[in-house]
N, C-alpha and C. Protein backbone atom coordinates (compact mmCIF):
# COMPACT_ATOMS: atom_id res chain seq x y z
N MET A 1 0.85 -1.19 0.00
CA MET A 1 0.00 0.00 0.00
C MET A 1 0.88 1.24 0.00
N PHE A 2 0.49 2.24 -0.72
CA PHE A 2 1.30 3.44 -0.85
C PHE A 2 1.12 4.41 0.31
N ILE A 3 0.06 4.26 1.10
CA ILE A 3 -0.17 5.08 2.28
C ILE A 3 -0.48 4.15 3.44
N LYS A 4 0.18 4.40 4.57
CA LYS A 4 -0.02 3.55 5.74
C LYS A 4 -0.70 4.33 6.85
N LEU A 5 -1.74 3.73 7.41
CA LEU A 5 -2.42 4.26 8.59
C LEU A 5 -2.08 3.34 9.76
N THR A 6 -1.55 3.89 10.84
CA THR A 6 -1.30 3.06 12.01
C THR A 6 -2.63 2.73 12.67
N ASP A 7 -2.61 1.75 13.55
CA ASP A 7 -3.84 1.37 14.25
C ASP A 7 -4.39 2.52 15.08
N THR A 8 -3.50 3.31 15.68
CA THR A 8 -3.98 4.45 16.49
C THR A 8 -4.60 5.53 15.60
N ALA A 9 -4.06 5.73 14.40
CA ALA A 9 -4.64 6.70 13.47
C ALA A 9 -6.01 6.22 12.99
N LYS A 10 -6.12 4.93 12.71
CA LYS A 10 -7.41 4.37 12.30
C LYS A 10 -8.46 4.57 13.38
N ALA A 11 -8.09 4.27 14.63
CA ALA A 11 -9.03 4.42 15.75
C ALA A 11 -9.45 5.88 15.90
N TYR A 12 -8.50 6.80 15.80
CA TYR A 12 -8.82 8.22 15.93
C TYR A 12 -9.76 8.67 14.80
N LEU A 13 -9.43 8.32 13.55
CA LEU A 13 -10.26 8.73 12.43
C LEU A 13 -11.65 8.10 12.49
N GLU A 14 -11.72 6.86 12.95
CA GLU A 14 -13.02 6.22 13.12
C GLU A 14 -13.87 6.99 14.14
N ASN A 15 -13.24 7.37 15.26
CA ASN A 15 -13.96 8.15 16.28
C ASN A 15 -14.43 9.50 15.75
N VAL A 16 -13.57 10.16 14.97
CA VAL A 16 -13.95 11.45 14.40
C VAL A 16 -15.14 11.29 13.45
N CYS A 17 -15.09 10.29 12.59
CA CYS A 17 -16.20 10.04 11.66
C CYS A 17 -17.49 9.74 12.41
N THR A 18 -17.40 8.91 13.43
CA THR A 18 -18.58 8.55 14.21
C THR A 18 -19.15 9.78 14.91
N ARG A 19 -18.29 10.55 15.56
CA ARG A 19 -18.72 11.75 16.28
C ARG A 19 -19.38 12.76 15.35
N GLU A 20 -18.82 12.91 14.14
CA GLU A 20 -19.34 13.90 13.19
C GLU A 20 -20.41 13.33 12.26
N LYS A 21 -20.76 12.04 12.48
CA LYS A 21 -21.76 11.36 11.64
C LYS A 21 -21.41 11.42 10.15
N GLN A 22 -20.14 11.10 9.88
CA GLN A 22 -19.62 11.11 8.52
C GLN A 22 -19.07 9.73 8.17
N LYS A 23 -19.10 9.40 6.89
CA LYS A 23 -18.56 8.13 6.42
C LYS A 23 -17.14 8.30 5.87
N TYR A 24 -16.87 9.43 5.23
CA TYR A 24 -15.58 9.65 4.57
C TYR A 24 -14.86 10.87 5.15
N VAL A 25 -13.62 10.66 5.56
CA VAL A 25 -12.75 11.78 5.90
C VAL A 25 -11.79 11.93 4.71
N HIS A 26 -11.53 13.17 4.32
CA HIS A 26 -10.83 13.47 3.07
C HIS A 26 -9.52 14.18 3.35
N LEU A 27 -8.43 13.71 2.72
CA LEU A 27 -7.12 14.34 2.84
C LEU A 27 -6.66 14.79 1.47
N SER A 28 -6.21 16.04 1.40
CA SER A 28 -5.67 16.57 0.15
C SER A 28 -4.48 17.47 0.46
N VAL A 29 -3.77 17.83 -0.58
CA VAL A 29 -2.66 18.79 -0.48
C VAL A 29 -3.10 20.03 -1.24
N LYS A 30 -2.97 21.17 -0.60
CA LYS A 30 -3.33 22.44 -1.21
C LYS A 30 -2.10 23.33 -1.29
N GLY A 31 -2.05 24.17 -2.31
CA GLY A 31 -0.98 25.15 -2.42
C GLY A 31 -1.19 26.24 -1.38
N GLY A 32 -0.08 26.70 -0.81
CA GLY A 32 -0.17 27.79 0.16
C GLY A 32 0.76 27.58 1.33
N GLY A 33 0.73 28.51 2.24
CA GLY A 33 1.64 28.46 3.38
C GLY A 33 3.01 28.99 2.97
N CYS A 34 3.88 29.19 3.93
CA CYS A 34 5.18 29.79 3.63
C CYS A 34 6.13 28.83 2.94
N ALA A 35 5.87 27.50 2.97
CA ALA A 35 6.77 26.55 2.33
C ALA A 35 6.21 26.02 1.01
N GLY A 36 4.98 26.34 0.67
CA GLY A 36 4.44 25.96 -0.63
C GLY A 36 3.19 25.11 -0.62
N PHE A 37 3.11 24.10 0.27
CA PHE A 37 1.96 23.21 0.33
C PHE A 37 1.53 22.98 1.77
N SER A 38 0.27 22.60 1.94
CA SER A 38 -0.21 22.21 3.27
C SER A 38 -1.23 21.09 3.12
N TYR A 39 -1.39 20.31 4.19
CA TYR A 39 -2.38 19.24 4.21
C TYR A 39 -3.73 19.85 4.55
N HIS A 40 -4.75 19.35 3.91
CA HIS A 40 -6.10 19.85 4.14
C HIS A 40 -7.01 18.66 4.46
N TRP A 41 -7.60 18.69 5.65
CA TRP A 41 -8.52 17.64 6.11
C TRP A 41 -9.94 18.18 6.08
N ASN A 42 -10.87 17.39 5.59
CA ASN A 42 -12.29 17.72 5.68
C ASN A 42 -13.09 16.43 5.50
N PHE A 43 -14.39 16.56 5.39
CA PHE A 43 -15.26 15.42 5.13
C PHE A 43 -15.82 15.54 3.73
N THR A 44 -16.17 14.41 3.15
CA THR A 44 -16.79 14.42 1.84
C THR A 44 -17.94 13.41 1.86
N ASP A 45 -18.93 13.66 1.02
CA ASP A 45 -20.08 12.76 0.94
C ASP A 45 -19.79 11.55 0.06
N THR A 46 -18.92 11.74 -0.93
CA THR A 46 -18.61 10.65 -1.85
C THR A 46 -17.24 10.89 -2.48
N PRO A 47 -16.47 9.83 -2.70
CA PRO A 47 -15.17 10.00 -3.36
C PRO A 47 -15.35 10.39 -4.83
N GLU A 48 -14.38 11.12 -5.35
CA GLU A 48 -14.35 11.46 -6.77
C GLU A 48 -13.74 10.29 -7.55
N LYS A 49 -13.85 10.34 -8.85
CA LYS A 49 -13.41 9.25 -9.73
C LYS A 49 -11.95 8.85 -9.51
N ASN A 50 -11.04 9.80 -9.37
CA ASN A 50 -9.61 9.51 -9.27
C ASN A 50 -9.09 9.43 -7.83
N ASP A 51 -9.96 9.53 -6.86
CA ASP A 51 -9.55 9.45 -5.45
C ASP A 51 -9.19 8.01 -5.07
N GLU A 52 -8.30 7.87 -4.12
CA GLU A 52 -7.99 6.57 -3.52
C GLU A 52 -8.79 6.46 -2.23
N VAL A 53 -9.33 5.29 -1.97
CA VAL A 53 -10.14 5.09 -0.77
C VAL A 53 -9.50 4.00 0.07
N LEU A 54 -9.18 4.33 1.32
CA LEU A 54 -8.57 3.39 2.26
C LEU A 54 -9.57 3.07 3.36
N ASN A 55 -9.67 1.81 3.70
CA ASN A 55 -10.59 1.39 4.75
C ASN A 55 -10.03 1.77 6.12
N ILE A 56 -10.86 2.40 6.93
CA ILE A 56 -10.50 2.68 8.32
C ILE A 56 -11.05 1.56 9.18
N LYS A 57 -12.38 1.43 9.17
CA LYS A 57 -13.05 0.34 9.87
C LYS A 57 -14.51 0.34 9.45
N ASP A 58 -15.02 -0.85 9.18
CA ASP A 58 -16.41 -1.03 8.76
C ASP A 58 -16.73 -0.09 7.60
N ASP A 59 -17.66 0.83 7.79
CA ASP A 59 -18.05 1.72 6.70
C ASP A 59 -17.32 3.06 6.72
N LYS A 60 -16.34 3.22 7.58
CA LYS A 60 -15.57 4.47 7.66
C LYS A 60 -14.36 4.37 6.74
N LYS A 61 -14.12 5.42 5.95
CA LYS A 61 -13.06 5.41 4.94
C LYS A 61 -12.25 6.70 4.97
N LEU A 62 -10.96 6.58 4.60
CA LEU A 62 -10.12 7.73 4.35
C LEU A 62 -10.03 7.89 2.84
N VAL A 63 -10.41 9.06 2.35
CA VAL A 63 -10.37 9.36 0.92
C VAL A 63 -9.16 10.26 0.67
N ILE A 64 -8.28 9.80 -0.22
CA ILE A 64 -7.10 10.58 -0.60
C ILE A 64 -7.39 11.23 -1.94
N ASP A 65 -7.30 12.53 -1.98
CA ASP A 65 -7.57 13.31 -3.18
C ASP A 65 -6.70 12.82 -4.34
N GLY A 66 -7.31 12.50 -5.46
CA GLY A 66 -6.60 11.98 -6.62
C GLY A 66 -5.52 12.91 -7.15
N MET A 67 -5.77 14.21 -7.11
CA MET A 67 -4.80 15.19 -7.61
C MET A 67 -3.61 15.33 -6.65
N SER A 68 -3.78 14.92 -5.40
CA SER A 68 -2.73 15.06 -4.39
C SER A 68 -1.85 13.81 -4.26
N LEU A 69 -2.24 12.72 -4.91
CA LEU A 69 -1.54 11.45 -4.75
C LEU A 69 -0.04 11.55 -5.01
N VAL A 70 0.35 12.32 -5.99
CA VAL A 70 1.76 12.44 -6.33
C VAL A 70 2.59 12.96 -5.14
N HIS A 71 1.99 13.78 -4.28
CA HIS A 71 2.69 14.34 -3.12
C HIS A 71 2.56 13.47 -1.88
N LEU A 72 1.75 12.41 -1.95
CA LEU A 72 1.45 11.62 -0.76
C LEU A 72 1.93 10.17 -0.83
N MET A 73 2.60 9.79 -1.89
CA MET A 73 3.10 8.42 -2.03
C MET A 73 4.08 8.10 -0.90
N GLY A 74 3.85 6.98 -0.21
CA GLY A 74 4.74 6.57 0.88
C GLY A 74 4.39 7.18 2.23
N LEU A 75 3.29 7.91 2.29
CA LEU A 75 2.87 8.60 3.50
C LEU A 75 2.56 7.63 4.65
N ILE A 76 2.95 8.00 5.86
CA ILE A 76 2.57 7.27 7.06
C ILE A 76 1.83 8.25 7.97
N ILE A 77 0.60 7.86 8.35
CA ILE A 77 -0.21 8.70 9.24
C ILE A 77 -0.33 7.98 10.57
N ASP A 78 0.05 8.66 11.64
CA ASP A 78 0.00 8.11 12.99
C ASP A 78 -0.75 9.10 13.88
N TYR A 79 -1.32 8.60 14.94
CA TYR A 79 -1.99 9.45 15.93
C TYR A 79 -1.20 9.35 17.22
N ARG A 80 -0.80 10.49 17.74
CA ARG A 80 -0.03 10.55 18.98
C ARG A 80 -0.76 11.42 20.00
N GLN A 81 -0.73 10.97 21.24
CA GLN A 81 -1.38 11.71 22.31
C GLN A 81 -0.48 11.66 23.53
N ASP A 82 -0.30 12.81 24.16
CA ASP A 82 0.42 12.85 25.43
C ASP A 82 -0.28 13.85 26.34
N ILE A 83 0.34 14.18 27.42
CA ILE A 83 -0.29 15.06 28.41
C ILE A 83 -0.55 16.47 27.88
N PHE A 84 0.23 16.90 26.87
CA PHE A 84 0.13 18.27 26.37
C PHE A 84 -0.73 18.43 25.12
N CYS A 85 -0.79 17.38 24.29
CA CYS A 85 -1.55 17.54 23.04
C CYS A 85 -1.83 16.19 22.40
N SER A 86 -2.66 16.23 21.39
CA SER A 86 -2.88 15.07 20.53
C SER A 86 -2.79 15.57 19.09
N VAL A 87 -2.24 14.72 18.22
CA VAL A 87 -2.00 15.16 16.84
C VAL A 87 -1.98 13.97 15.90
N LEU A 88 -2.49 14.20 14.69
CA LEU A 88 -2.26 13.27 13.61
C LEU A 88 -0.89 13.61 13.05
N GLN A 89 0.06 12.74 13.23
CA GLN A 89 1.43 12.98 12.79
C GLN A 89 1.59 12.39 11.40
N ILE A 90 2.04 13.21 10.47
CA ILE A 90 2.21 12.79 9.08
C ILE A 90 3.68 12.72 8.76
N GLU A 91 4.11 11.54 8.34
CA GLU A 91 5.48 11.32 7.91
C GLU A 91 5.44 11.14 6.39
N ASN A 92 5.98 12.11 5.67
CA ASN A 92 5.90 12.13 4.22
C ASN A 92 7.31 12.10 3.62
N PRO A 93 7.68 11.00 2.95
CA PRO A 93 9.03 10.90 2.39
C PRO A 93 9.29 11.86 1.22
N ASN A 94 8.24 12.49 0.71
CA ASN A 94 8.39 13.43 -0.41
C ASN A 94 8.73 14.84 0.03
N VAL A 95 8.65 15.11 1.32
CA VAL A 95 8.88 16.46 1.84
C VAL A 95 10.38 16.76 1.86
N LYS A 96 10.75 17.87 1.24
CA LYS A 96 12.14 18.34 1.26
C LYS A 96 12.40 19.26 2.44
N SER A 97 11.41 20.10 2.77
CA SER A 97 11.58 21.03 3.89
C SER A 97 10.22 21.42 4.44
N ASN A 98 10.21 21.86 5.69
CA ASN A 98 9.00 22.35 6.36
C ASN A 98 9.20 23.81 6.74
N CYS A 99 8.12 24.53 6.90
CA CYS A 99 8.23 25.89 7.40
C CYS A 99 8.50 25.82 8.91
N GLY A 100 8.87 26.92 9.49
CA GLY A 100 9.20 26.98 10.91
C GLY A 100 8.06 26.60 11.83
N CYS A 101 6.83 26.92 11.46
CA CYS A 101 5.69 26.62 12.32
C CYS A 101 5.17 25.20 12.12
N GLY A 102 5.64 24.52 11.05
CA GLY A 102 5.23 23.14 10.82
C GLY A 102 3.91 23.00 10.09
N GLU A 103 3.31 24.08 9.64
CA GLU A 103 2.01 24.02 8.98
C GLU A 103 2.09 23.78 7.48
N SER A 104 3.24 24.03 6.87
CA SER A 104 3.36 23.83 5.43
C SER A 104 4.70 23.17 5.10
N PHE A 105 4.79 22.71 3.85
CA PHE A 105 5.98 21.94 3.45
C PHE A 105 6.27 22.15 1.98
N ASN A 106 7.49 21.76 1.58
CA ASN A 106 7.92 21.81 0.19
C ASN A 106 8.24 20.38 -0.21
N VAL A 107 7.97 20.00 -1.45
CA VAL A 107 8.20 18.63 -1.92
C VAL A 107 9.32 18.57 -2.92
N VAL A 108 9.74 17.33 -3.19
CA VAL A 108 10.82 17.06 -4.14
C VAL A 108 10.46 17.58 -5.50
């Protein structure tokens, strides 16, 4: 598989979908930010023709934007939680550099 979801990321995304009464959570890459690109999370009612759909659990799915796939190949999504914060941590082998605040990135 070209994108890996850890078990903790699957559990977190499943909970988010259930809480928000959504079936599909959508990940895309948008232009912008000080480094060039940023990740954009939202919900969608249905995947588009070129989107990739990954199973989270049962009827819950992660939809990867088809136009963003080139920037997301080899991606690992993990969910981390500690006393100070919780975050979906994205490890992207295509990233060349990040901005100082960590909100945007530049790719190969």
